[in-house]
Each structure stands twice: as structure tokens, then as C-alpha cells.
C-alpha atoms as a PDB file:
ATOM      1  CA  MET A   1      -1.333 -24.774 -16.520  1.00  0.00           C
ATOM      2  CA  SER A   2      -4.675 -26.473 -17.027  1.00  0.00           C
ATOM      3  CA  GLU A   3      -3.593 -29.040 -14.433  1.00  0.00           C
ATOM      4  CA  HIS A   4      -5.622 -29.202 -11.246  1.00  0.00           C
ATOM      5  CA  PHE A   5      -3.647 -28.787  -8.008  1.00  0.00           C
ATOM      6  CA  ASP A   6      -4.143 -29.873  -4.455  1.00  0.00           C
ATOM      7  CA  VAL A   7      -3.111 -26.406  -3.290  1.00  0.00           C
ATOM      8  CA  ILE A   8      -2.528 -23.029  -4.891  1.00  0.00           C
ATOM      9  CA  VAL A   9      -0.304 -20.719  -2.853  1.00  0.00           C
ATOM     10  CA  VAL A  10      -0.732 -17.053  -3.759  1.00  0.00           C
ATOM     11  CA  GLY A  11       2.550 -15.349  -2.946  1.00  0.00           C
ATOM     12  CA  GLY A  12       6.104 -16.611  -3.222  1.00  0.00           C
ATOM     13  CA  GLY A  13       7.811 -14.951  -0.277  1.00  0.00           C
ATOM     14  CA  PRO A  14       8.998 -16.610   2.948  1.00  0.00           C
ATOM     15  CA  ALA A  15       5.466 -17.538   4.053  1.00  0.00           C
ATOM     16  CA  GLY A  16       4.267 -18.826   0.702  1.00  0.00           C
ATOM     17  CA  LEU A  17       7.397 -20.782  -0.156  1.00  0.00           C
ATOM     18  CA  SER A  18       7.561 -22.293   3.340  1.00  0.00           C
ATOM     19  CA  ALA A  19       3.975 -23.482   2.985  1.00  0.00           C
ATOM     20  CA  ALA A  20       4.759 -24.862  -0.463  1.00  0.00           C
ATOM     21  CA  LEU A  21       7.856 -26.643   0.830  1.00  0.00           C
ATOM     22  CA  ILE A  22       6.082 -28.594   3.536  1.00  0.00           C
ATOM     23  CA  LEU A  23       3.201 -29.399   1.176  1.00  0.00           C
ATOM     24  CA  GLY A  24       5.533 -30.532  -1.582  1.00  0.00           C
ATOM     25  CA  ARG A  25       7.421 -32.752   0.825  1.00  0.00           C
ATOM     26  CA  SER A  26       4.044 -34.242   1.768  1.00  0.00           C
ATOM     27  CA  ARG A  27       3.576 -35.198  -1.905  1.00  0.00           C
ATOM     28  CA  ARG A  28       0.913 -32.620  -2.569  1.00  0.00           C
ATOM     29  CA  SER A  29       0.630 -31.029  -6.009  1.00  0.00           C
ATOM     30  CA  VAL A  30       1.268 -27.334  -5.445  1.00  0.00           C
ATOM     31  CA  LEU A  31       1.259 -24.219  -7.593  1.00  0.00           C
ATOM     32  CA  VAL A  32       2.835 -21.010  -6.298  1.00  0.00           C
ATOM     33  CA  VAL A  33       1.743 -17.806  -8.032  1.00  0.00           C
ATOM     34  CA  ASP A  34       4.155 -14.971  -7.316  1.00  0.00           C
ATOM     35  CA  ALA A  35       3.898 -11.355  -8.476  1.00  0.00           C
ATOM     36  CA  GLY A  36       7.560 -10.704  -7.635  1.00  0.00           C
ATOM     37  CA  GLU A  37       6.917  -7.731  -5.362  1.00  0.00           C
ATOM     38  CA  PRO A  38       8.382  -8.627  -1.968  1.00  0.00           C
ATOM     39  CA  ARG A  39       7.634  -6.133   0.772  1.00  0.00           C
ATOM     40  CA  ASN A  40      11.293  -6.109   1.828  1.00  0.00           C
ATOM     41  CA  ALA A  41      12.699  -5.593  -1.682  1.00  0.00           C
ATOM     42  CA  PRO A  42      14.321  -2.196  -0.828  1.00  0.00           C
ATOM     43  CA  ALA A  43      16.335  -3.724   2.030  1.00  0.00           C
ATOM     44  CA  GLU A  44      19.925  -4.804   1.431  1.00  0.00           C
ATOM     45  CA  GLY A  45      19.557  -7.955   3.479  1.00  0.00           C
ATOM     46  CA  VAL A  46      17.264 -10.160   5.542  1.00  0.00           C
ATOM     47  CA  HIS A  47      18.189 -10.304   9.216  1.00  0.00           C
ATOM     48  CA  ASN A  48      17.552 -12.612  12.173  1.00  0.00           C
ATOM     49  CA  LEU A  49      16.962 -15.564   9.830  1.00  0.00           C
ATOM     50  CA  LEU A  50      19.315 -18.207  11.182  1.00  0.00           C
ATOM     51  CA  GLY A  51      21.535 -19.663   8.481  1.00  0.00           C
ATOM     52  CA  GLN A  52      20.686 -16.872   6.017  1.00  0.00           C
ATOM     53  CA  GLU A  53      21.677 -13.769   7.991  1.00  0.00           C
ATOM     54  CA  GLY A  54      22.207 -10.817   5.652  1.00  0.00           C
ATOM     55  CA  THR A  55      20.977 -12.594   2.509  1.00  0.00           C
ATOM     56  CA  ALA A  56      19.493 -10.210  -0.059  1.00  0.00           C
ATOM     57  CA  PRO A  57      15.671 -10.550  -0.179  1.00  0.00           C
ATOM     58  CA  ARG A  58      15.580 -11.575  -3.832  1.00  0.00           C
ATOM     59  CA  ASP A  59      18.379 -14.100  -3.304  1.00  0.00           C
ATOM     60  CA  LEU A  60      16.351 -15.655  -0.488  1.00  0.00           C
ATOM     61  CA  VAL A  61      13.370 -16.008  -2.831  1.00  0.00           C
ATOM     62  CA  ARG A  62      15.593 -17.503  -5.532  1.00  0.00           C
ATOM     63  CA  ILE A  63      16.978 -20.078  -3.090  1.00  0.00           C
ATOM     64  CA  GLY A  64      13.485 -20.863  -1.849  1.00  0.00           C
ATOM     65  CA  ARG A  65      12.205 -21.435  -5.369  1.00  0.00           C
ATOM     66  CA  GLN A  66      15.039 -23.846  -6.060  1.00  0.00           C
ATOM     67  CA  GLU A  67      14.287 -25.755  -2.874  1.00  0.00           C
ATOM     68  CA  VAL A  68      10.545 -26.183  -3.487  1.00  0.00           C
ATOM     69  CA  ALA A  69      11.191 -27.240  -7.093  1.00  0.00           C
ATOM     70  CA  ARG A  70      13.056 -30.296  -5.779  1.00  0.00           C
ATOM     71  CA  TYR A  71       9.743 -31.540  -4.391  1.00  0.00           C
ATOM     72  CA  GLY A  72       7.666 -31.010  -7.514  1.00  0.00           C
ATOM     73  CA  VAL A  73       6.223 -27.597  -6.641  1.00  0.00           C
ATOM     74  CA  THR A  74       5.424 -25.437  -9.669  1.00  0.00           C
ATOM     75  CA  VAL A  75       6.194 -21.717  -9.387  1.00  0.00           C
ATOM     76  CA  THR A  76       4.858 -19.245 -11.923  1.00  0.00           C
ATOM     77  CA  ASP A  77       5.348 -15.501 -12.210  1.00  0.00           C
ATOM     78  CA  GLY A  78       2.088 -13.591 -12.251  1.00  0.00           C
ATOM     79  CA  ARG A  79      -0.716 -12.349 -10.078  1.00  0.00           C
ATOM     80  CA  VAL A  80      -4.207 -13.525  -9.250  1.00  0.00           C
ATOM     81  CA  VAL A  81      -6.852 -11.096 -10.485  1.00  0.00           C
ATOM     82  CA  ALA A  82     -10.053 -12.988  -9.641  1.00  0.00           C
ATOM     83  CA  ALA A  83     -11.180 -15.984  -7.617  1.00  0.00           C
ATOM     84  CA  SER A  84     -14.288 -18.002  -6.945  1.00  0.00           C
ATOM     85  CA  ALA A  85     -15.208 -20.905  -4.688  1.00  0.00           C
ATOM     86  CA  THR A  86     -16.398 -23.806  -6.828  1.00  0.00           C
ATOM     87  CA  PRO A  87     -16.133 -27.560  -6.100  1.00  0.00           C
ATOM     88  CA  VAL A  88     -13.733 -29.012  -8.662  1.00  0.00           C
ATOM     89  CA  THR A  89     -13.468 -32.674  -7.609  1.00  0.00           C
ATOM     90  CA  ASP A  90     -16.036 -35.345  -6.848  1.00  0.00           C
ATOM     91  CA  ASP A  91     -14.458 -36.372  -3.548  1.00  0.00           C
ATOM     92  CA  ASP A  92     -14.221 -32.920  -1.941  1.00  0.00           C
ATOM     93  CA  ALA A  93     -17.004 -30.387  -1.437  1.00  0.00           C
ATOM     94  CA  LEU A  94     -14.464 -27.567  -1.480  1.00  0.00           C
ATOM     95  CA  GLY A  95     -12.678 -26.168  -4.488  1.00  0.00           C
ATOM     96  CA  PHE A  96     -11.459 -22.920  -5.988  1.00  0.00           C
ATOM     97  CA  ARG A  97     -10.890 -21.325  -9.378  1.00  0.00           C
ATOM     98  CA  LEU A  98      -8.307 -18.566  -9.689  1.00  0.00           C
ATOM     99  CA  THR A  99      -7.791 -16.374 -12.732  1.00  0.00           C
ATOM    100  CA  LEU A 100      -4.276 -15.084 -13.383  1.00  0.00           C
ATOM    101  CA  ASP A 101      -3.321 -11.842 -15.091  1.00  0.00           C
ATOM    102  CA  SER A 102      -2.251 -13.939 -18.087  1.00  0.00           C
ATOM    103  CA  GLY A 103      -5.878 -14.985 -18.525  1.00  0.00           C
ATOM    104  CA  GLU A 104      -5.204 -18.557 -17.447  1.00  0.00           C
ATOM    105  CA  VAL A 105      -7.585 -20.197 -14.993  1.00  0.00           C
ATOM    106  CA  VAL A 106      -6.190 -22.639 -12.439  1.00  0.00           C
ATOM    107  CA  THR A 107      -8.037 -24.781  -9.929  1.00  0.00           C
ATOM    108  CA  ALA A 108      -7.234 -26.277  -6.556  1.00  0.00           C
ATOM    109  CA  ARG A 109      -8.795 -28.025  -3.597  1.00  0.00           C
ATOM    110  CA  ARG A 110      -7.285 -25.523  -1.149  1.00  0.00           C
ATOM    111  CA  VAL A 111      -5.807 -22.017  -1.293  1.00  0.00           C
ATOM    112  CA  VAL A 112      -3.115 -20.378   0.836  1.00  0.00           C
ATOM    113  CA  VAL A 113      -3.095 -16.580   0.756  1.00  0.00           C
ATOM    114  CA  ALA A 114       0.504 -15.500   1.321  1.00  0.00           C
ATOM    115  CA  GLY A 115       0.934 -12.490  -0.927  1.00  0.00           C
ATOM    116  CA  GLY A 116       2.347 -10.359   1.855  1.00  0.00           C
ATOM    117  CA  ALA A 117       1.526  -6.697   2.247  1.00  0.00           C
ATOM    118  CA  VAL A 118       2.455  -3.173   1.286  1.00  0.00           C
ATOM    119  CA  ASP A 119       3.632  -0.443   3.641  1.00  0.00           C
ATOM    120  CA  VAL A 120       1.548   2.728   3.728  1.00  0.00           C
ATOM    121  CA  LEU A 121       4.114   5.339   4.737  1.00  0.00           C
ATOM    122  CA  PRO A 122       3.813   8.640   6.581  1.00  0.00           C
ATOM    123  CA  ASP A 123       3.107  11.423   4.100  1.00  0.00           C
ATOM    124  CA  VAL A 124       6.437  13.208   4.356  1.00  0.00           C
ATOM    125  CA  PRO A 125       8.234  14.217   1.130  1.00  0.00           C
ATOM    126  CA  GLY A 126      11.535  12.388   0.668  1.00  0.00           C
ATOM    127  CA  LEU A 127      10.663   9.580   3.070  1.00  0.00           C
ATOM    128  CA  ALA A 128       9.530   6.970   0.544  1.00  0.00           C
ATOM    129  CA  GLU A 129      12.713   7.353  -1.497  1.00  0.00           C
ATOM    130  CA  GLN A 130      14.786   6.189   1.489  1.00  0.00           C
ATOM    131  CA  TRP A 131      12.378   3.501   2.718  1.00  0.00           C
ATOM    132  CA  GLY A 132      14.092   0.239   3.645  1.00  0.00           C
ATOM    133  CA  ARG A 133      17.542   1.805   3.587  1.00  0.00           C
ATOM    134  CA  GLY A 134      18.114   5.096   5.421  1.00  0.00           C
ATOM    135  CA  VAL A 135      14.489   5.207   6.603  1.00  0.00           C
ATOM    136  CA  VAL A 136      13.729   2.091   8.618  1.00  0.00           C
ATOM    137  CA  HIS A 137      10.910   0.844  10.816  1.00  0.00           C
ATOM    138  CA  CYS A 138      12.072  -2.203  12.782  1.00  0.00           C
ATOM    139  CA  PRO A 139      14.916  -2.079  15.314  1.00  0.00           C
ATOM    140  CA  PHE A 140      15.337  -5.838  15.039  1.00  0.00           C
ATOM    141  CA  CYS A 141      15.419  -5.867  11.243  1.00  0.00           C
ATOM    142  CA  HIS A 142      17.592  -2.781  10.699  1.00  0.00           C
ATOM    143  CA  GLY A 143      18.837  -1.577  14.079  1.00  0.00           C
ATOM    144  CA  TRP A 144      22.300  -3.099  13.930  1.00  0.00           C
ATOM    145  CA  GLU A 145      22.937  -1.394  10.607  1.00  0.00           C
ATOM    146  CA  VAL A 146      22.281   2.082  12.090  1.00  0.00           C
ATOM    147  CA  ARG A 147      23.884   1.506  15.494  1.00  0.00           C
ATOM    148  CA  ASP A 148      25.884   4.345  17.064  1.00  0.00           C
ATOM    149  CA  ARG A 149      24.604   6.819  14.476  1.00  0.00           C
ATOM    150  CA  ARG A 150      22.434   9.919  14.736  1.00  0.00           C
ATOM    151  CA  ILE A 151      18.961   8.395  14.642  1.00  0.00           C
ATOM    152  CA  GLY A 152      15.671  10.225  14.409  1.00  0.00           C
ATOM    153  CA  VAL A 153      12.353   8.559  15.182  1.00  0.00           C
ATOM    154  CA  LEU A 154       9.153   9.933  13.689  1.00  0.00           C
ATOM    155  CA  VAL A 155       6.529   9.361  16.390  1.00  0.00           C
ATOM    156  CA  THR A 156       3.121   9.101  14.693  1.00  0.00           C
ATOM    157  CA  THR A 157       1.316   6.720  17.081  1.00  0.00           C
ATOM    158  CA  ALA A 158       1.237   5.988  20.786  1.00  0.00           C
ATOM    159  CA  ALA A 159       3.406   2.931  20.088  1.00  0.00           C
ATOM    160  CA  GLY A 160       6.100   5.245  18.760  1.00  0.00           C
ATOM    161  CA  ALA A 161       7.379   5.914  22.278  1.00  0.00           C
ATOM    162  CA  HIS A 162       8.381   2.262  22.578  1.00  0.00           C
ATOM    163  CA  GLN A 163      10.058   2.433  19.178  1.00  0.00           C
ATOM    164  CA  VAL A 164      12.094   5.432  20.359  1.00  0.00           C
ATOM    165  CA  GLN A 165      13.417   3.524  23.360  1.00  0.00           C
ATOM    166  CA  MET A 166      14.220   0.519  21.179  1.00  0.00           C
ATOM    167  CA  PHE A 167      16.434   2.655  18.969  1.00  0.00           C
ATOM    168  CA  ARG A 168      17.930   4.344  22.031  1.00  0.00           C
ATOM    169  CA  ALA A 169      19.292   0.898  22.947  1.00  0.00           C
ATOM    170  CA  LEU A 170      21.279   1.043  19.705  1.00  0.00           C
ATOM    171  CA  SER A 171      22.628   4.600  19.861  1.00  0.00           C
ATOM    172  CA  ASP A 172      23.335   7.365  22.369  1.00  0.00           C
ATOM    173  CA  ASP A 173      22.182   9.980  19.835  1.00  0.00           C
ATOM    174  CA  VAL A 174      18.405   9.679  19.363  1.00  0.00           C
ATOM    175  CA  THR A 175      15.852  12.400  18.603  1.00  0.00           C
ATOM    176  CA  ALA A 176      12.087  11.881  18.785  1.00  0.00           C
ATOM    177  CA  PHE A 177      10.044  13.951  16.310  1.00  0.00           C
ATOM    178  CA  VAL A 178       6.526  14.071  17.743  1.00  0.00           C
ATOM    179  CA  THR A 179       3.634  14.719  15.348  1.00  0.00           C
ATOM    180  CA  ASP A 180       1.040  15.118  18.132  1.00  0.00           C
ATOM    181  CA  PRO A 181       1.837  16.169  21.729  1.00  0.00           C
ATOM    182  CA  ASP A 182      -1.050  14.033  22.998  1.00  0.00           C
ATOM    183  CA  LEU A 183       0.795  10.887  21.913  1.00  0.00           C
ATOM    184  CA  LEU A 184       3.252  11.190  24.807  1.00  0.00           C
ATOM    185  CA  ASP A 185       2.289  11.432  28.467  1.00  0.00           C
ATOM    186  CA  ASP A 186       4.476  12.659  31.328  1.00  0.00           C
ATOM    187  CA  THR A 187       5.723   9.160  32.136  1.00  0.00           C
ATOM    188  CA  VAL A 188       6.935   8.626  28.577  1.00  0.00           C
ATOM    189  CA  LEU A 189       8.598  12.037  28.500  1.00  0.00           C
ATOM    190  CA  ALA A 190      10.306  11.331  31.812  1.00  0.00           C
ATOM    191  CA  GLY A 191      11.675   8.128  30.317  1.00  0.00           C
ATOM    192  CA  PHE A 192      12.988  10.054  27.327  1.00  0.00           C
ATOM    193  CA  ALA A 193      14.678  12.612  29.561  1.00  0.00           C
ATOM    194  CA  ALA A 194      16.226   9.933  31.749  1.00  0.00           C
ATOM    195  CA  ARG A 195      17.759   8.280  28.682  1.00  0.00           C
ATOM    196  CA  GLY A 196      18.988  11.504  27.069  1.00  0.00           C
ATOM    197  CA  ILE A 197      16.498  11.411  24.194  1.00  0.00           C
ATOM    198  CA  ARG A 198      15.779  14.788  22.614  1.00  0.00           C
ATOM    199  CA  VAL A 199      12.177  15.680  21.771  1.00  0.00           C
ATOM    200  CA  VAL A 200      11.242  17.905  18.818  1.00  0.00           C
ATOM    201  CA  ARG A 201       7.616  18.989  18.514  1.00  0.00           C
ATOM    202  CA  THR A 202       7.921  21.094  15.361  1.00  0.00           C
ATOM    203  CA  PRO A 203       6.494  19.103  12.415  1.00  0.00           C
ATOM    204  CA  VAL A 204       8.858  17.388   9.989  1.00  0.00           C
ATOM    205  CA  VAL A 205       8.100  18.591   6.453  1.00  0.00           C
ATOM    206  CA  ARG A 206      10.826  16.838   4.457  1.00  0.00           C
ATOM    207  CA  VAL A 207      13.412  14.083   4.668  1.00  0.00           C
ATOM    208  CA  LEU A 208      16.715  15.292   3.227  1.00  0.00           C
ATOM    209  CA  SER A 209      19.203  13.077   1.408  1.00  0.00           C
ATOM    210  CA  GLU A 210      22.709  13.216   0.032  1.00  0.00           C
ATOM    211  CA  GLY A 211      23.152  10.625  -2.668  1.00  0.00           C
ATOM    212  CA  ASP A 212      21.713   7.307  -1.483  1.00  0.00           C
ATOM    213  CA  ALA A 213      21.702   8.191   2.209  1.00  0.00           C
ATOM    214  CA  PRO A 214      19.551  10.469   4.378  1.00  0.00           C
ATOM    215  CA  SER A 215      21.248  13.565   5.729  1.00  0.00           C
ATOM    216  CA  GLY A 216      18.543  14.910   8.029  1.00  0.00           C
ATOM    217  CA  VAL A 217      15.067  16.354   8.200  1.00  0.00           C
ATOM    218  CA  GLU A 218      13.671  19.807   7.566  1.00  0.00           C
ATOM    219  CA  LEU A 219      11.183  21.188  10.084  1.00  0.00           C
ATOM    220  CA  ALA A 220       8.198  23.444   9.434  1.00  0.00           C
ATOM    221  CA  ASP A 221      10.116  26.475  10.736  1.00  0.00           C
ATOM    222  CA  GLY A 222      12.975  25.869   8.289  1.00  0.00           C
ATOM    223  CA  THR A 223      15.306  24.295  10.818  1.00  0.00           C
ATOM    224  CA  VAL A 224      17.386  21.360   9.557  1.00  0.00           C
ATOM    225  CA  VAL A 225      18.235  18.572  11.981  1.00  0.00           C
ATOM    226  CA  GLU A 226      21.139  16.468  10.746  1.00  0.00           C
ATOM    227  CA  LEU A 227      20.641  12.705  10.959  1.00  0.00           C
ATOM    228  CA  ASP A 228      22.178   9.523   9.644  1.00  0.00           C
ATOM    229  CA  ALA A 229      18.991   7.440   9.832  1.00  0.00           C
ATOM    230  CA  LEU A 230      15.291   7.946  10.422  1.00  0.00           C
ATOM    231  CA  ALA A 231      12.862   5.422  11.891  1.00  0.00           C
ATOM    232  CA  ALA A 232       9.182   5.662  10.980  1.00  0.00           C
ATOM    233  CA  ALA A 233       6.263   3.310  11.469  1.00  0.00           C
ATOM    234  CA  SER A 234       4.190   2.240   8.475  1.00  0.00           C
ATOM    235  CA  ARG A 235       0.640   0.928   8.238  1.00  0.00           C
ATOM    236  CA  VAL A 236       0.503  -2.525   6.670  1.00  0.00           C
ATOM    237  CA  GLU A 237      -2.123  -3.358   4.047  1.00  0.00           C
ATOM    238  CA  ALA A 238      -2.437  -7.020   3.013  1.00  0.00           C
ATOM    239  CA  ARG A 239      -2.337  -7.709  -0.737  1.00  0.00           C
ATOM    240  CA  VAL A 240      -5.664  -9.513  -0.882  1.00  0.00           C
ATOM    241  CA  GLU A 241      -7.883  -7.501  -3.234  1.00  0.00           C
ATOM    242  CA  TRP A 242      -8.455 -10.547  -5.435  1.00  0.00           C
ATOM    243  CA  ALA A 243      -9.748 -12.545  -2.444  1.00  0.00           C
ATOM    244  CA  ALA A 244     -12.948 -10.488  -2.386  1.00  0.00           C
ATOM    245  CA  GLY A 245     -14.286 -13.009  -4.885  1.00  0.00           C
ATOM    246  CA  LEU A 246     -13.995 -15.635  -2.155  1.00  0.00           C
ATOM    247  CA  GLY A 247     -15.886 -13.464   0.317  1.00  0.00           C
ATOM    248  CA  LEU A 248     -12.780 -12.310   2.189  1.00  0.00           C
ATOM    249  CA  THR A 249     -12.105  -8.736   3.269  1.00  0.00           C
ATOM    250  CA  PRO A 250      -9.297  -7.433   5.499  1.00  0.00           C
ATOM    251  CA  VAL A 251      -9.923  -6.465   9.098  1.00  0.00           C
ATOM    252  CA  ASP A 252      -8.108  -4.021  11.342  1.00  0.00           C
ATOM    253  CA  GLN A 253      -5.236  -5.459  13.361  1.00  0.00           C
ATOM    254  CA  GLU A 254      -4.726  -3.477  16.531  1.00  0.00           C
ATOM    255  CA  ALA A 255      -2.577  -3.814  19.627  1.00  0.00           C
ATOM    256  CA  ASN A 256      -2.899  -1.592  22.694  1.00  0.00           C
ATOM    257  CA  GLY A 257      -5.242   0.663  20.771  1.00  0.00           C
ATOM    258  CA  VAL A 258      -2.783   1.201  17.905  1.00  0.00           C
ATOM    259  CA  LEU A 259      -3.733   0.235  14.350  1.00  0.00           C
ATOM    260  CA  PHE A 260      -0.898  -1.755  12.759  1.00  0.00           C
ATOM    261  CA  GLY A 261      -2.688  -2.546   9.525  1.00  0.00           C
ATOM    262  CA  ARG A 262      -5.440  -4.439   7.741  1.00  0.00           C
ATOM    263  CA  VAL A 263      -5.056  -8.176   7.260  1.00  0.00           C
ATOM    264  CA  LEU A 264      -7.124 -11.341   6.844  1.00  0.00           C
ATOM    265  CA  ALA A 265      -8.448 -12.789  10.079  1.00  0.00           C
ATOM    266  CA  VAL A 266      -7.314 -16.380  10.713  1.00  0.00           C
ATOM    267  CA  ASP A 267      -7.520 -18.909  13.517  1.00  0.00           C
ATOM    268  CA  GLY A 268      -4.585 -20.744  15.093  1.00  0.00           C
ATOM    269  CA  ALA A 269      -4.346 -23.053  12.093  1.00  0.00           C
ATOM    270  CA  GLY A 270      -4.203 -20.208   9.585  1.00  0.00           C
ATOM    271  CA  GLN A 271      -7.781 -20.916   8.473  1.00  0.00           C
ATOM    272  CA  THR A 272      -9.785 -17.910   7.283  1.00  0.00           C
ATOM    273  CA  GLU A 273     -13.542 -17.593   7.657  1.00  0.00           C
ATOM    274  CA  VAL A 274     -13.914 -19.307   4.263  1.00  0.00           C
ATOM    275  CA  PRO A 275     -13.468 -23.091   4.596  1.00  0.00           C
ATOM    276  CA  GLY A 276     -10.518 -24.305   2.562  1.00  0.00           C
ATOM    277  CA  VAL A 277      -8.845 -20.896   2.333  1.00  0.00           C
ATOM    278  CA  PHE A 278      -5.864 -20.311   4.602  1.00  0.00           C
ATOM    279  CA  ALA A 279      -3.580 -17.309   5.049  1.00  0.00           C
ATOM    280  CA  ALA A 280      -0.048 -16.861   6.376  1.00  0.00           C
ATOM    281  CA  GLY A 281       2.662 -14.240   6.763  1.00  0.00           C
ATOM    282  CA  ASN A 282       1.936 -10.515   6.547  1.00  0.00           C
ATOM    283  CA  ALA A 283      -1.321 -11.243   4.738  1.00  0.00           C
ATOM    284  CA  ALA A 284      -2.597 -12.482   8.110  1.00  0.00           C
ATOM    285  CA  ASN A 285      -0.386 -10.659  10.618  1.00  0.00           C
ATOM    286  CA  ALA A 286       1.058  -7.189  10.068  1.00  0.00           C
ATOM    287  CA  MET A 287       3.669  -7.636  12.783  1.00  0.00           C
ATOM    288  CA  LEU A 288       5.547 -10.678  11.457  1.00  0.00           C
ATOM    289  CA  THR A 289       9.202 -10.478  10.443  1.00  0.00           C
ATOM    290  CA  VAL A 290      10.708 -12.705   7.750  1.00  0.00           C
ATOM    291  CA  VAL A 291      11.571 -15.552  10.097  1.00  0.00           C
ATOM    292  CA  ALA A 292       8.141 -15.422  11.736  1.00  0.00           C
ATOM    293  CA  SER A 293       6.445 -15.343   8.335  1.00  0.00           C
ATOM    294  CA  ALA A 294       8.397 -18.405   7.257  1.00  0.00           C
ATOM    295  CA  ALA A 295       7.390 -20.214  10.450  1.00  0.00           C
ATOM    296  CA  ALA A 296       3.742 -19.253   9.958  1.00  0.00           C
ATOM    297  CA  GLY A 297       3.866 -20.493   6.377  1.00  0.00           C
ATOM    298  CA  SER A 298       5.328 -23.822   7.430  1.00  0.00           C
ATOM    299  CA  GLN A 299       2.694 -24.305  10.126  1.00  0.00           C
ATOM    300  CA  THR A 300      -0.113 -23.328   7.781  1.00  0.00           C
ATOM    301  CA  GLY A 301       1.172 -25.705   5.115  1.00  0.00           C
ATOM    302  CA  ALA A 302       1.021 -28.552   7.622  1.00  0.00           C
ATOM    303  CA  MET A 303      -2.529 -27.588   8.563  1.00  0.00           C
ATOM    304  CA  VAL A 304      -3.600 -27.552   4.917  1.00  0.00           C
ATOM    305  CA  HIS A 305      -2.150 -31.041   4.432  1.00  0.00           C
ATOM    306  CA  GLY A 306      -4.105 -32.239   7.465  1.00  0.00           C
ATOM    307  CA  ASP A 307      -7.298 -30.647   6.134  1.00  0.00           C
ATOM    308  CA  LEU A 308      -6.868 -32.462   2.827  1.00  0.00           C
ATOM    309  CA  LEU A 309      -6.218 -35.742   4.613  1.00  0.00           C
ATOM    310  CA  ARG A 310      -9.467 -35.437   6.536  1.00  0.00           C
ATOM    311  CA  ALA A 311     -11.372 -34.910   3.294  1.00  0.00           C
ATOM    312  CA  GLU A 312      -9.646 -37.893   1.682  1.00  0.00           C
ATOM    313  CA  VAL A 313     -10.362 -40.188   4.607  1.00  0.00           C
ATOM    314  CA  ALA A 314     -14.018 -39.138   4.629  1.00  0.00           C
ATOM    315  CA  ALA A 315     -14.282 -39.712   0.866  1.00  0.00           C
ATOM    316  CA  ALA A 316     -12.690 -43.163   1.150  1.00  0.00           C
ATOM    317  CA  ILE A 317     -15.079 -44.188   3.932  1.00  0.00           C
ATOM    318  CA  SER A 318     -18.045 -42.930   1.938  1.00  0.00           C
ATOM    319  CA  ALA A 319     -16.941 -44.798  -1.174  1.00  0.00           C
ATOM    320  CA  GLY A 320     -16.058 -47.953   0.737  1.00  0.00           C
ATOM    321  CA  THR A 321     -12.965 -48.423  -1.378  1.00  0.00           C
ATOM    322  CA  GLY A 322     -10.494 -49.218   1.379  1.00  0.00           C
ATOM    323  CA  THR A 323      -8.559 -52.508   1.262  1.00  0.00           C
ATOM    324  CA  GLY A 324      -7.073 -52.385   4.763  1.00  0.00           C
ATOM    325  CA  THR A 325      -8.063 -54.812   7.513  1.00  0.00           C
ATOM    326  CA  ALA A 326      -8.768 -53.651  11.059  1.00  0.00           C
ATOM    327  CA  ARG A 327      -7.438 -55.870  13.856  1.00  0.00           C
END
């Protein structure tokens, strides 16, 4: 892989492969470096992705790899461990060198950071083991699968009240487990009461399971509340440690005073603060679902192609090598 690429995409999930697809179809040379650790790997299926509803996450990646390969995109398994910004062509002031965990060094004119993120979970024993299956976080991604069941919602932030009502739309049997009484005001509690939502203020100390499914939660006083599913919010941390070599560090992403995670800041084109480095998907937005990540990747890929075109036009004008005739 000593070949130089127009673009290196770090991450081979929906965002990264979508960016690679549009770039490959634009006849760009593209390398995708994928560590094979999709955030949604525990889930049985991807939802709300038209045409691929219910597809297993790894099957979606496999299909995506096959599709980008048709347009000359190279995909390699591995991870980026270091990066530096260094001009690597004579006709472009930008350029980047990335070192892979194999020891190989690859170069490109542009970089797309699309390695996704990891979920930092509430520190409750037994919760992580059920994450993505019996313990869910998104009513749109997993709500249908737990409809009409006994659902508990672990309220750990002020945004948790909204999450409770979202799951109440899916089941008549919903219990809110509140970690801090100050998270819920009288208006929120009145809304819970009006919708028949039970409120438990005793701390949850353990998520209980029977086989592969949750069976309930144990409270600090020893009480067991039987459940069929538990919803809990995570904090999203972008997988961008290697990008520190490019001068990039994650920033807090907040909404209505609630911290959703730490991601790379980008503008409307997916451009980071480092010229020539773009980011898409959960690496740049903690709140994106699979379909939104794919859309962001596609848009960012188009923006990267446009950025390269501008550099090529400028280089051609500077060199005076054009053969066209203006009329």
C-alpha cells in the first residue's frame, strides 16, 4: 500500500463507506481503513434504513464494501495509530501521512475521519452485557422491538424525561428510574402521571438477566422490579485519538444543556478546523443514526471531491497547462 491516494477514509461504517462510494464514483483514488469495530455491532439489525430494514450491522458493512469495490475503492482492515500533515504532491499544498497498526505508512491529499464512536455506559453492573439487545437507548432504533413490553428507563440526564415519554408511546407499561430527583421538575412529573408512567427514585444497583434477555433491575433496598427491556442513555466518545497528530481534539456536543458526547467540530461541509481534513458520522455528531450517518458521509464525500477540484483547477491555472479555448 505504498500507493498515494486522493483520499483516505478512516472508518468503514455507513458514513465512511458512503463517503468512499461517492468519491469512487467521481473517479477518485480512495483507501478505506477500517478497524472492524462498528458501534452498533451488538444490535441484531439496522432500522429505519430504507431498502435495508433489519439488516444485520456486519452484513450492511459487507454489502457496502462490495459496492465501493466496484468503483475502485481499496478497503483494508486495520487502524490508524498516528498521523501528520505533510504536503505530498507538487500541485497541492495539503497532504497527509497516516501510519497503520501494521506499520505501513499511507499518504493522501485529503482525509475523512469516519471511525464512529464508542458508547460510555452508565456504571450499573449487568447493563453492559445487555447493551444493544435488552438494554437499548434509541426509541427509533430499537423501540419497535420492545413494543408492548415492560420497559424501564434509566433517567440519568434532564433529557431522560423526553426519552421516557418516547418509550411510553410504544408501551403502556413504562417505569422511570430516576438517579437524581433534581432532574425532573413538577411539569415533567405531571406529564408522567398523566400518562400512567411509574417513577422509582431508589437507585438501580444491578441489571438482572435470564439467559440472553434482561429480567429486571435490583434496587438499592433489595427490591427487584421485573422488566422485559431497559432504556439507558450513553455518552458518545468519537474514535479520534490518532487525529491528535493532525492537531484535532474532540469538543463537547451539547443540546439543551445536556452533554451527548465528545466529537470533532465540523462546518456544514464536514470540514474540520484543519484544512483538508473532514469528518462525518458519529465522529462529528453524537446524535446521528445509521441512515443519518450514511447521508452525512455522502455529503462529505461530495464536498471533498469539490475541494480537490478547486485545488486542481488552481494548479492548472498556475502551470498554464490547459488546452481549452474560451469563447
